[in-house]
C-alpha cells in the first residue's frame, strides 16, 4: 500500500481545512493517509468523510508535543478521540499551548517585534501555535517568510522559543496506549540530540510501549534515514513515513510504500 501517514490541517498549524486533504493525498498517489494534527483530533471526522468520498483509506491520528531533554513529537494512530482521558488531555494542552504562545509574544515584544495575541489569533482556527505567530510576523512585515521566523526567533534554541513541556515523551506514549492508539516516534532525524541520545530515547520509549518509528520522513535521503531504519530493526519497531504536509506553498504529500507489518499495525 502507498501511504502518507503524517499531515496537518488548520485545526493545528496547517493552512487547509481537514476536508480538503483527502483529494490532495490521492492526487499525490496515496492510497491511504493519516491526519495527525498537533495535540488535537477535532478535524478527524471531517477528514474521514472526505476520504470516504475520494475512495482513499484513512487513519485518524494525533501528533503529541512532549518534552524530555528536547522537543519530542509522538504520533498516535487510531486513538479513540472520544475517550475521556484524551478529551481531558486535549483541553489541558490547549490551555497550556495558549499560555505558551502568550509568553512567546511577550518575548518578541521585548525585542521590538510588536505582534499582539489578536494578530496571531486571526490565523488560528483553534488554539494558536508557533506557525500562527510566524504568519502574523510575516503579515506585519517583520520577516520575509515563515522559515526565517523560526530560524531567527521561534525554533528550539532561539530567543523566543518556549518549550511545550506539559507532558514527557514516555507519558505521551502511555496516553496514546491508554486511549487505544498506536504510538510512533515522529521524525527522529529532527531531534536536537546525538544519534546515541536518539537511540537511548527510542529504547526508553520502547520499554513503555512504543511500537513504531517514522524513519522515512519527507524527502530525506538514505544517508540521513538509514540509522533510524537500523534502530527500528534493533528494537523491533515497524517503520512509518510522512510528508508532514502543512500547506501547498510550504510542503507536499510524500506517499511511499509501507510494509505489510506497518499496514497491519495501523489497521489498513
C-alpha atoms as a PDB file:
ATOM      1  CA  UNK A   1       0.000   0.000   0.000  1.00  0.00           C
ATOM      2  CA  UNK A   2       1.132   3.546  -0.805  1.00  0.00           C
ATOM      3  CA  UNK A   3       0.552   5.932   2.100  1.00  0.00           C
ATOM      4  CA  UNK A   4       1.467   9.240   3.704  1.00  0.00           C
ATOM      5  CA  UNK A   5       0.977   8.912   7.442  1.00  0.00           C
ATOM      6  CA  UNK A   6       1.675  12.448   8.670  1.00  0.00           C
ATOM      7  CA  UNK A   7      -0.156  15.645   7.695  1.00  0.00           C
ATOM      8  CA  UNK A   8      -1.761  18.698   9.278  1.00  0.00           C
ATOM      9  CA  UNK A   9      -4.898  20.766   8.796  1.00  0.00           C
ATOM     10  CA  UNK A  10      -5.907  24.190  10.041  1.00  0.00           C
ATOM     11  CA  UNK A  11      -7.134  22.517  13.220  1.00  0.00           C
ATOM     12  CA  UNK A  12      -3.479  22.895  14.268  1.00  0.00           C
ATOM     13  CA  UNK A  13      -0.793  24.672  12.236  1.00  0.00           C
ATOM     14  CA  UNK A  14      -1.753  23.653   8.709  1.00  0.00           C
ATOM     15  CA  UNK A  15      -3.423  26.051   6.295  1.00  0.00           C
ATOM     16  CA  UNK A  16      -6.176  23.902   4.784  1.00  0.00           C
ATOM     17  CA  UNK A  17      -9.356  22.580   6.415  1.00  0.00           C
ATOM     18  CA  UNK A  18      -9.451  18.813   7.026  1.00  0.00           C
ATOM     19  CA  UNK A  19     -11.972  18.036   4.279  1.00  0.00           C
ATOM     20  CA  UNK A  20      -9.595  19.254   1.535  1.00  0.00           C
ATOM     21  CA  UNK A  21      -6.700  16.953   2.391  1.00  0.00           C
ATOM     22  CA  UNK A  22      -8.012  13.653   1.035  1.00  0.00           C
ATOM     23  CA  UNK A  23      -8.133  14.897  -2.568  1.00  0.00           C
ATOM     24  CA  UNK A  24      -4.575  16.246  -2.332  1.00  0.00           C
ATOM     25  CA  UNK A  25      -3.265  12.995  -0.847  1.00  0.00           C
ATOM     26  CA  UNK A  26      -4.973  10.981  -3.596  1.00  0.00           C
ATOM     27  CA  UNK A  27      -3.648  13.299  -6.314  1.00  0.00           C
ATOM     28  CA  UNK A  28      -0.123  12.747  -4.945  1.00  0.00           C
ATOM     29  CA  UNK A  29      -0.585   8.990  -5.384  1.00  0.00           C
ATOM     30  CA  UNK A  30      -1.549   7.914  -1.868  1.00  0.00           C
ATOM     31  CA  UNK A  31      -3.923   5.023  -1.306  1.00  0.00           C
ATOM     32  CA  UNK A  32      -4.122   5.944   2.374  1.00  0.00           C
ATOM     33  CA  UNK A  33      -3.289   8.928   4.550  1.00  0.00           C
ATOM     34  CA  UNK A  34      -3.433   9.967   8.195  1.00  0.00           C
ATOM     35  CA  UNK A  35      -4.417  13.291   9.708  1.00  0.00           C
ATOM     36  CA  UNK A  36      -2.063  13.984  12.624  1.00  0.00           C
ATOM     37  CA  UNK A  37      -2.766  17.475  13.905  1.00  0.00           C
ATOM     38  CA  UNK A  38      -0.808  18.763  16.878  1.00  0.00           C
ATOM     39  CA  UNK A  39      -2.454  17.845  20.193  1.00  0.00           C
ATOM     40  CA  UNK A  40      -5.986  17.641  18.799  1.00  0.00           C
ATOM     41  CA  UNK A  41      -8.226  15.306  16.831  1.00  0.00           C
ATOM     42  CA  UNK A  42     -11.005  17.801  16.185  1.00  0.00           C
ATOM     43  CA  UNK A  43     -10.591  17.522  12.398  1.00  0.00           C
ATOM     44  CA  UNK A  44     -10.537  13.741  12.152  1.00  0.00           C
ATOM     45  CA  UNK A  45     -14.194  13.093  11.325  1.00  0.00           C
ATOM     46  CA  UNK A  46     -14.269  15.724   8.572  1.00  0.00           C
ATOM     47  CA  UNK A  47     -11.135  14.240   7.036  1.00  0.00           C
ATOM     48  CA  UNK A  48     -12.557  10.729   7.343  1.00  0.00           C
ATOM     49  CA  UNK A  49     -15.757  11.646   5.477  1.00  0.00           C
ATOM     50  CA  UNK A  50     -13.749  13.308   2.719  1.00  0.00           C
ATOM     51  CA  UNK A  51     -11.527  10.231   2.418  1.00  0.00           C
ATOM     52  CA  UNK A  52     -14.589   8.027   2.012  1.00  0.00           C
ATOM     53  CA  UNK A  53     -15.838  10.228  -0.841  1.00  0.00           C
ATOM     54  CA  UNK A  54     -12.427  10.096  -2.519  1.00  0.00           C
ATOM     55  CA  UNK A  55     -12.169   6.333  -2.115  1.00  0.00           C
ATOM     56  CA  UNK A  56      -8.944   6.541  -0.135  1.00  0.00           C
ATOM     57  CA  UNK A  57      -8.173   4.774   3.159  1.00  0.00           C
ATOM     58  CA  UNK A  58      -7.870   6.972   6.240  1.00  0.00           C
ATOM     59  CA  UNK A  59      -6.367   6.862   9.732  1.00  0.00           C
ATOM     60  CA  UNK A  60      -7.373   9.278  12.450  1.00  0.00           C
ATOM     61  CA  UNK A  61      -4.287  10.355  14.332  1.00  0.00           C
ATOM     62  CA  UNK A  62      -2.657  12.988  16.507  1.00  0.00           C
ATOM     63  CA  UNK A  63       0.865  14.349  16.963  1.00  0.00           C
ATOM     64  CA  UNK A  64       1.507  14.916  20.656  1.00  0.00           C
ATOM     65  CA  UNK A  65       4.052  17.566  21.595  1.00  0.00           C
ATOM     66  CA  UNK A  66       6.198  16.437  24.511  1.00  0.00           C
ATOM     67  CA  UNK A  67       9.472  17.469  26.098  1.00  0.00           C
ATOM     68  CA  UNK A  68      12.303  15.465  27.594  1.00  0.00           C
ATOM     69  CA  UNK A  69      15.833  16.759  27.119  1.00  0.00           C
ATOM     70  CA  UNK A  70      14.494  18.348  23.922  1.00  0.00           C
ATOM     71  CA  UNK A  71      11.271  18.678  21.966  1.00  0.00           C
ATOM     72  CA  UNK A  72       9.920  15.219  21.051  1.00  0.00           C
ATOM     73  CA  UNK A  73       6.790  14.532  18.997  1.00  0.00           C
ATOM     74  CA  UNK A  74       4.905  11.267  19.329  1.00  0.00           C
ATOM     75  CA  UNK A  75       2.362  10.230  16.711  1.00  0.00           C
ATOM     76  CA  UNK A  76      -0.721   8.379  17.881  1.00  0.00           C
ATOM     77  CA  UNK A  77      -2.710   6.417  15.299  1.00  0.00           C
ATOM     78  CA  UNK A  78      -6.289   5.154  15.766  1.00  0.00           C
ATOM     79  CA  UNK A  79      -6.596   6.945  19.104  1.00  0.00           C
ATOM     80  CA  UNK A  80     -10.149   6.992  20.466  1.00  0.00           C
ATOM     81  CA  UNK A  81     -10.782  10.738  20.394  1.00  0.00           C
ATOM     82  CA  UNK A  82     -13.979  10.257  22.426  1.00  0.00           C
ATOM     83  CA  UNK A  83     -12.070   8.654  25.278  1.00  0.00           C
ATOM     84  CA  UNK A  84     -12.491  10.812  28.401  1.00  0.00           C
ATOM     85  CA  UNK A  85      -8.755  10.627  29.151  1.00  0.00           C
ATOM     86  CA  UNK A  86      -7.901  12.006  25.723  1.00  0.00           C
ATOM     87  CA  UNK A  87     -10.619  14.670  25.954  1.00  0.00           C
ATOM     88  CA  UNK A  88      -9.161  15.845  29.270  1.00  0.00           C
ATOM     89  CA  UNK A  89      -5.652  15.928  27.798  1.00  0.00           C
ATOM     90  CA  UNK A  90      -6.865  17.838  24.732  1.00  0.00           C
ATOM     91  CA  UNK A  91      -8.428  20.559  26.888  1.00  0.00           C
ATOM     92  CA  UNK A  92      -5.447  20.862  29.233  1.00  0.00           C
ATOM     93  CA  UNK A  93      -2.884  21.076  26.468  1.00  0.00           C
ATOM     94  CA  UNK A  94      -4.973  23.629  24.550  1.00  0.00           C
ATOM     95  CA  UNK A  95      -4.871  25.857  27.641  1.00  0.00           C
ATOM     96  CA  UNK A  96      -1.149  25.208  28.055  1.00  0.00           C
ATOM     97  CA  UNK A  97      -0.432  25.982  24.391  1.00  0.00           C
ATOM     98  CA  UNK A  98      -2.331  29.254  24.734  1.00  0.00           C
ATOM     99  CA  UNK A  99      -0.180  30.307  27.706  1.00  0.00           C
ATOM    100  CA  UNK A 100       2.948  29.267  25.809  1.00  0.00           C
ATOM    101  CA  UNK A 101       2.088  31.421  22.798  1.00  0.00           C
ATOM    102  CA  UNK A 102       1.360  34.410  25.049  1.00  0.00           C
ATOM    103  CA  UNK A 103       4.829  34.011  26.570  1.00  0.00           C
ATOM    104  CA  UNK A 104       6.429  33.835  23.108  1.00  0.00           C
ATOM    105  CA  UNK A 105       4.617  37.034  22.152  1.00  0.00           C
ATOM    106  CA  UNK A 106       5.943  38.741  25.299  1.00  0.00           C
ATOM    107  CA  UNK A 107       9.485  37.748  24.372  1.00  0.00           C
ATOM    108  CA  UNK A 108       9.027  39.021  20.828  1.00  0.00           C
ATOM    109  CA  UNK A 109       7.578  42.307  22.101  1.00  0.00           C
ATOM    110  CA  UNK A 110      10.586  42.746  24.403  1.00  0.00           C
ATOM    111  CA  UNK A 111      12.800  42.536  21.309  1.00  0.00           C
ATOM    112  CA  UNK A 112      10.894  45.151  19.346  1.00  0.00           C
ATOM    113  CA  UNK A 113       8.595  42.856  17.391  1.00  0.00           C
ATOM    114  CA  UNK A 114       5.172  44.301  18.137  1.00  0.00           C
ATOM    115  CA  UNK A 115       2.917  41.337  17.463  1.00  0.00           C
ATOM    116  CA  UNK A 116      -0.217  41.022  19.574  1.00  0.00           C
ATOM    117  CA  UNK A 117      -2.141  37.933  20.628  1.00  0.00           C
ATOM    118  CA  UNK A 118      -5.025  39.182  18.489  1.00  0.00           C
ATOM    119  CA  UNK A 119      -2.715  39.386  15.451  1.00  0.00           C
ATOM    120  CA  UNK A 120      -1.757  35.754  15.969  1.00  0.00           C
ATOM    121  CA  UNK A 121      -5.287  34.521  16.725  1.00  0.00           C
ATOM    122  CA  UNK A 122      -6.503  35.795  13.343  1.00  0.00           C
ATOM    123  CA  UNK A 123      -4.609  32.947  11.689  1.00  0.00           C
ATOM    124  CA  UNK A 124      -5.796  30.194  14.056  1.00  0.00           C
ATOM    125  CA  UNK A 125      -8.964  28.130  13.813  1.00  0.00           C
ATOM    126  CA  UNK A 126      -8.342  26.565  17.214  1.00  0.00           C
ATOM    127  CA  UNK A 127      -5.502  27.271  19.674  1.00  0.00           C
ATOM    128  CA  UNK A 128      -2.647  29.397  18.253  1.00  0.00           C
ATOM    129  CA  UNK A 129       0.717  27.809  17.521  1.00  0.00           C
ATOM    130  CA  UNK A 130       4.214  28.930  16.578  1.00  0.00           C
ATOM    131  CA  UNK A 131       3.191  28.682  12.936  1.00  0.00           C
ATOM    132  CA  UNK A 132       0.451  31.225  13.554  1.00  0.00           C
ATOM    133  CA  UNK A 133       2.917  33.512  15.338  1.00  0.00           C
ATOM    134  CA  UNK A 134       5.176  33.277  12.293  1.00  0.00           C
ATOM    135  CA  UNK A 135       2.337  34.089   9.922  1.00  0.00           C
ATOM    136  CA  UNK A 136       1.473  37.176  11.971  1.00  0.00           C
ATOM    137  CA  UNK A 137       5.121  38.286  11.932  1.00  0.00           C
ATOM    138  CA  UNK A 138       5.267  37.932   8.147  1.00  0.00           C
ATOM    139  CA  UNK A 139       1.946  39.727   7.623  1.00  0.00           C
ATOM    140  CA  UNK A 140       3.207  42.665   9.724  1.00  0.00           C
ATOM    141  CA  UNK A 141       6.454  42.841   7.768  1.00  0.00           C
ATOM    142  CA  UNK A 142       8.893  41.762  10.469  1.00  0.00           C
ATOM    143  CA  UNK A 143      10.312  38.840   8.487  1.00  0.00           C
ATOM    144  CA  UNK A 144      10.068  37.786   4.831  1.00  0.00           C
ATOM    145  CA  UNK A 145       8.786  34.253   5.384  1.00  0.00           C
ATOM    146  CA  UNK A 146       7.798  31.649   7.955  1.00  0.00           C
ATOM    147  CA  UNK A 147      11.100  29.782   7.720  1.00  0.00           C
ATOM    148  CA  UNK A 148      13.031  32.906   8.721  1.00  0.00           C
ATOM    149  CA  UNK A 149      10.719  33.483  11.691  1.00  0.00           C
ATOM    150  CA  UNK A 150      11.514  30.029  13.003  1.00  0.00           C
ATOM    151  CA  UNK A 151      15.228  30.173  12.237  1.00  0.00           C
ATOM    152  CA  UNK A 152      15.745  33.539  13.947  1.00  0.00           C
ATOM    153  CA  UNK A 153      13.147  33.565  16.703  1.00  0.00           C
ATOM    154  CA  UNK A 154      10.813  30.613  17.254  1.00  0.00           C
ATOM    155  CA  UNK A 155      12.596  27.289  16.915  1.00  0.00           C
ATOM    156  CA  UNK A 156      14.164  25.410  19.794  1.00  0.00           C
ATOM    157  CA  UNK A 157      17.310  27.229  20.958  1.00  0.00           C
ATOM    158  CA  UNK A 158      16.285  30.643  19.605  1.00  0.00           C
ATOM    159  CA  UNK A 159      15.450  33.628  21.864  1.00  0.00           C
ATOM    160  CA  UNK A 160      11.653  33.496  21.780  1.00  0.00           C
ATOM    161  CA  UNK A 161      11.179  29.728  21.901  1.00  0.00           C
ATOM    162  CA  UNK A 162       9.201  28.387  24.859  1.00  0.00           C
ATOM    163  CA  UNK A 163       9.224  24.594  25.361  1.00  0.00           C
ATOM    164  CA  UNK A 164       5.993  22.649  25.210  1.00  0.00           C
ATOM    165  CA  UNK A 165       6.763  20.686  28.356  1.00  0.00           C
ATOM    166  CA  UNK A 166       3.361  19.774  29.775  1.00  0.00           C
ATOM    167  CA  UNK A 167       3.916  16.090  29.041  1.00  0.00           C
ATOM    168  CA  UNK A 168       7.018  13.893  28.737  1.00  0.00           C
ATOM    169  CA  UNK A 169       7.644  11.554  25.765  1.00  0.00           C
ATOM    170  CA  UNK A 170       7.008   8.486  27.929  1.00  0.00           C
ATOM    171  CA  UNK A 171       3.748   9.980  29.191  1.00  0.00           C
ATOM    172  CA  UNK A 172       2.720  10.696  25.590  1.00  0.00           C
ATOM    173  CA  UNK A 173       3.275   7.049  24.649  1.00  0.00           C
ATOM    174  CA  UNK A 174       1.325   5.892  27.699  1.00  0.00           C
ATOM    175  CA  UNK A 175      -1.541   8.299  26.933  1.00  0.00           C
ATOM    176  CA  UNK A 176      -1.850   7.009  23.370  1.00  0.00           C
ATOM    177  CA  UNK A 177      -1.903   3.403  24.586  1.00  0.00           C
ATOM    178  CA  UNK A 178      -4.481   4.202  27.269  1.00  0.00           C
ATOM    179  CA  UNK A 179      -6.726   5.682  24.577  1.00  0.00           C
ATOM    180  CA  UNK A 180      -6.472   2.609  22.367  1.00  0.00           C
ATOM    181  CA  UNK A 181      -3.939   4.033  19.931  1.00  0.00           C
ATOM    182  CA  UNK A 182      -0.657   3.024  18.347  1.00  0.00           C
ATOM    183  CA  UNK A 183       2.339   5.195  19.396  1.00  0.00           C
ATOM    184  CA  UNK A 184       5.079   6.048  16.882  1.00  0.00           C
ATOM    185  CA  UNK A 185       8.082   8.334  17.334  1.00  0.00           C
ATOM    186  CA  UNK A 186       7.803  11.209  14.845  1.00  0.00           C
ATOM    187  CA  UNK A 187      10.688  12.439  12.638  1.00  0.00           C
ATOM    188  CA  UNK A 188      13.597  11.223  14.833  1.00  0.00           C
ATOM    189  CA  UNK A 189      16.122  12.879  12.489  1.00  0.00           C
ATOM    190  CA  UNK A 190      14.858  16.253  13.743  1.00  0.00           C
ATOM    191  CA  UNK A 191      15.643  15.558  17.392  1.00  0.00           C
ATOM    192  CA  UNK A 192      18.087  18.017  18.944  1.00  0.00           C
ATOM    193  CA  UNK A 193      20.343  15.221  20.191  1.00  0.00           C
ATOM    194  CA  UNK A 194      23.071  12.889  19.002  1.00  0.00           C
ATOM    195  CA  UNK A 195      22.337   9.533  17.393  1.00  0.00           C
ATOM    196  CA  UNK A 196      23.375   7.907  20.668  1.00  0.00           C
ATOM    197  CA  UNK A 197      20.914  10.108  22.541  1.00  0.00           C
ATOM    198  CA  UNK A 198      18.227   9.319  19.992  1.00  0.00           C
ATOM    199  CA  UNK A 199      18.779   5.597  20.405  1.00  0.00           C
ATOM    200  CA  UNK A 200      18.587   5.926  24.181  1.00  0.00           C
ATOM    201  CA  UNK A 201      15.258   7.729  23.759  1.00  0.00           C
ATOM    202  CA  UNK A 202      13.948   5.053  21.399  1.00  0.00           C
ATOM    203  CA  UNK A 203      14.941   2.256  23.786  1.00  0.00           C
ATOM    204  CA  UNK A 204      13.299   4.011  26.723  1.00  0.00           C
ATOM    205  CA  UNK A 205      10.078   4.603  24.798  1.00  0.00           C
ATOM    206  CA  UNK A 206      10.062   1.018  23.550  1.00  0.00           C
ATOM    207  CA  UNK A 207      10.139  -0.076  27.182  1.00  0.00           C
ATOM    208  CA  UNK A 208       6.874   1.820  27.855  1.00  0.00           C
ATOM    209  CA  UNK A 209       5.115   0.662  24.697  1.00  0.00           C
ATOM    210  CA  UNK A 210       6.391   2.496  21.610  1.00  0.00           C
ATOM    211  CA  UNK A 211       5.529   0.446  18.531  1.00  0.00           C
ATOM    212  CA  UNK A 212       6.900   2.325  15.561  1.00  0.00           C
ATOM    213  CA  UNK A 213       9.323   4.953  14.304  1.00  0.00           C
ATOM    214  CA  UNK A 214       8.901   7.461  11.463  1.00  0.00           C
ATOM    215  CA  UNK A 215      12.202   6.537   9.839  1.00  0.00           C
ATOM    216  CA  UNK A 216      11.067   7.733   6.400  1.00  0.00           C
ATOM    217  CA  UNK A 217      10.377  11.472   6.544  1.00  0.00           C
ATOM    218  CA  UNK A 218       9.672  13.987   3.788  1.00  0.00           C
ATOM    219  CA  UNK A 219      12.338  13.693   1.080  1.00  0.00           C
ATOM    220  CA  UNK A 220      15.308  12.966   3.348  1.00  0.00           C
ATOM    221  CA  UNK A 221      17.758  10.629   1.637  1.00  0.00           C
ATOM    222  CA  UNK A 222      19.214   7.331   2.828  1.00  0.00           C
ATOM    223  CA  UNK A 223      22.294   8.900   4.408  1.00  0.00           C
ATOM    224  CA  UNK A 224      20.003  10.589   6.947  1.00  0.00           C
ATOM    225  CA  UNK A 225      17.291   7.971   7.396  1.00  0.00           C
ATOM    226  CA  UNK A 226      19.448   4.795   7.465  1.00  0.00           C
ATOM    227  CA  UNK A 227      20.347   4.983  11.197  1.00  0.00           C
ATOM    228  CA  UNK A 228      16.666   5.101  12.114  1.00  0.00           C
ATOM    229  CA  UNK A 229      15.809   2.101   9.979  1.00  0.00           C
ATOM    230  CA  UNK A 230      18.586   0.309  11.869  1.00  0.00           C
ATOM    231  CA  UNK A 231      17.092   1.387  15.207  1.00  0.00           C
ATOM    232  CA  UNK A 232      13.684   0.147  14.089  1.00  0.00           C
ATOM    233  CA  UNK A 233      15.112  -3.269  13.307  1.00  0.00           C
ATOM    234  CA  UNK A 234      17.169  -3.412  16.500  1.00  0.00           C
ATOM    235  CA  UNK A 235      14.210  -2.575  18.746  1.00  0.00           C
ATOM    236  CA  UNK A 236      11.578  -4.456  16.738  1.00  0.00           C
ATOM    237  CA  UNK A 237       9.621  -1.367  15.697  1.00  0.00           C
ATOM    238  CA  UNK A 238       7.677  -1.003  12.472  1.00  0.00           C
ATOM    239  CA  UNK A 239       8.511   1.915  10.170  1.00  0.00           C
ATOM    240  CA  UNK A 240       6.148   4.668   9.069  1.00  0.00           C
ATOM    241  CA  UNK A 241       6.647   7.501   6.605  1.00  0.00           C
ATOM    242  CA  UNK A 242       5.333  11.031   6.397  1.00  0.00           C
ATOM    243  CA  UNK A 243       5.469  14.138   4.263  1.00  0.00           C
ATOM    244  CA  UNK A 244       4.445  16.353   7.218  1.00  0.00           C
ATOM    245  CA  UNK A 245       2.190  18.353   4.908  1.00  0.00           C
ATOM    246  CA  UNK A 246       1.116  21.772   6.235  1.00  0.00           C
ATOM    247  CA  UNK A 247       0.264  23.870   3.178  1.00  0.00           C
ATOM    248  CA  UNK A 248       0.656  23.705  -0.614  1.00  0.00           C
ATOM    249  CA  UNK A 249       3.156  26.571  -0.568  1.00  0.00           C
ATOM    250  CA  UNK A 250       5.311  25.001   2.155  1.00  0.00           C
ATOM    251  CA  UNK A 251       5.334  21.233   1.762  1.00  0.00           C
ATOM    252  CA  UNK A 252       3.838  18.321  -0.144  1.00  0.00           C
ATOM    253  CA  UNK A 253       2.342  14.923   0.451  1.00  0.00           C
ATOM    254  CA  UNK A 254       5.083  12.292   0.113  1.00  0.00           C
ATOM    255  CA  UNK A 255       3.325   8.927  -0.246  1.00  0.00           C
ATOM    256  CA  UNK A 256       5.527   5.854  -0.156  1.00  0.00           C
ATOM    257  CA  UNK A 257       5.043   2.108   0.038  1.00  0.00           C
ATOM    258  CA  UNK A 258       4.550   0.805   3.546  1.00  0.00           C
ATOM    259  CA  UNK A 259       5.271  -2.716   4.722  1.00  0.00           C
ATOM    260  CA  UNK A 260       2.615  -5.318   5.415  1.00  0.00           C
ATOM    261  CA  UNK A 261       3.598  -5.160   9.069  1.00  0.00           C
ATOM    262  CA  UNK A 262       3.019  -1.410   9.212  1.00  0.00           C
ATOM    263  CA  UNK A 263      -0.299  -1.691   7.377  1.00  0.00           C
ATOM    264  CA  UNK A 264      -1.479  -4.417   9.735  1.00  0.00           C
ATOM    265  CA  UNK A 265      -0.389  -2.489  12.849  1.00  0.00           C
ATOM    266  CA  UNK A 266      -2.412   0.517  11.690  1.00  0.00           C
ATOM    267  CA  UNK A 267      -5.437  -1.450  10.536  1.00  0.00           C
ATOM    268  CA  UNK A 268      -5.005  -0.723   6.833  1.00  0.00           C
END
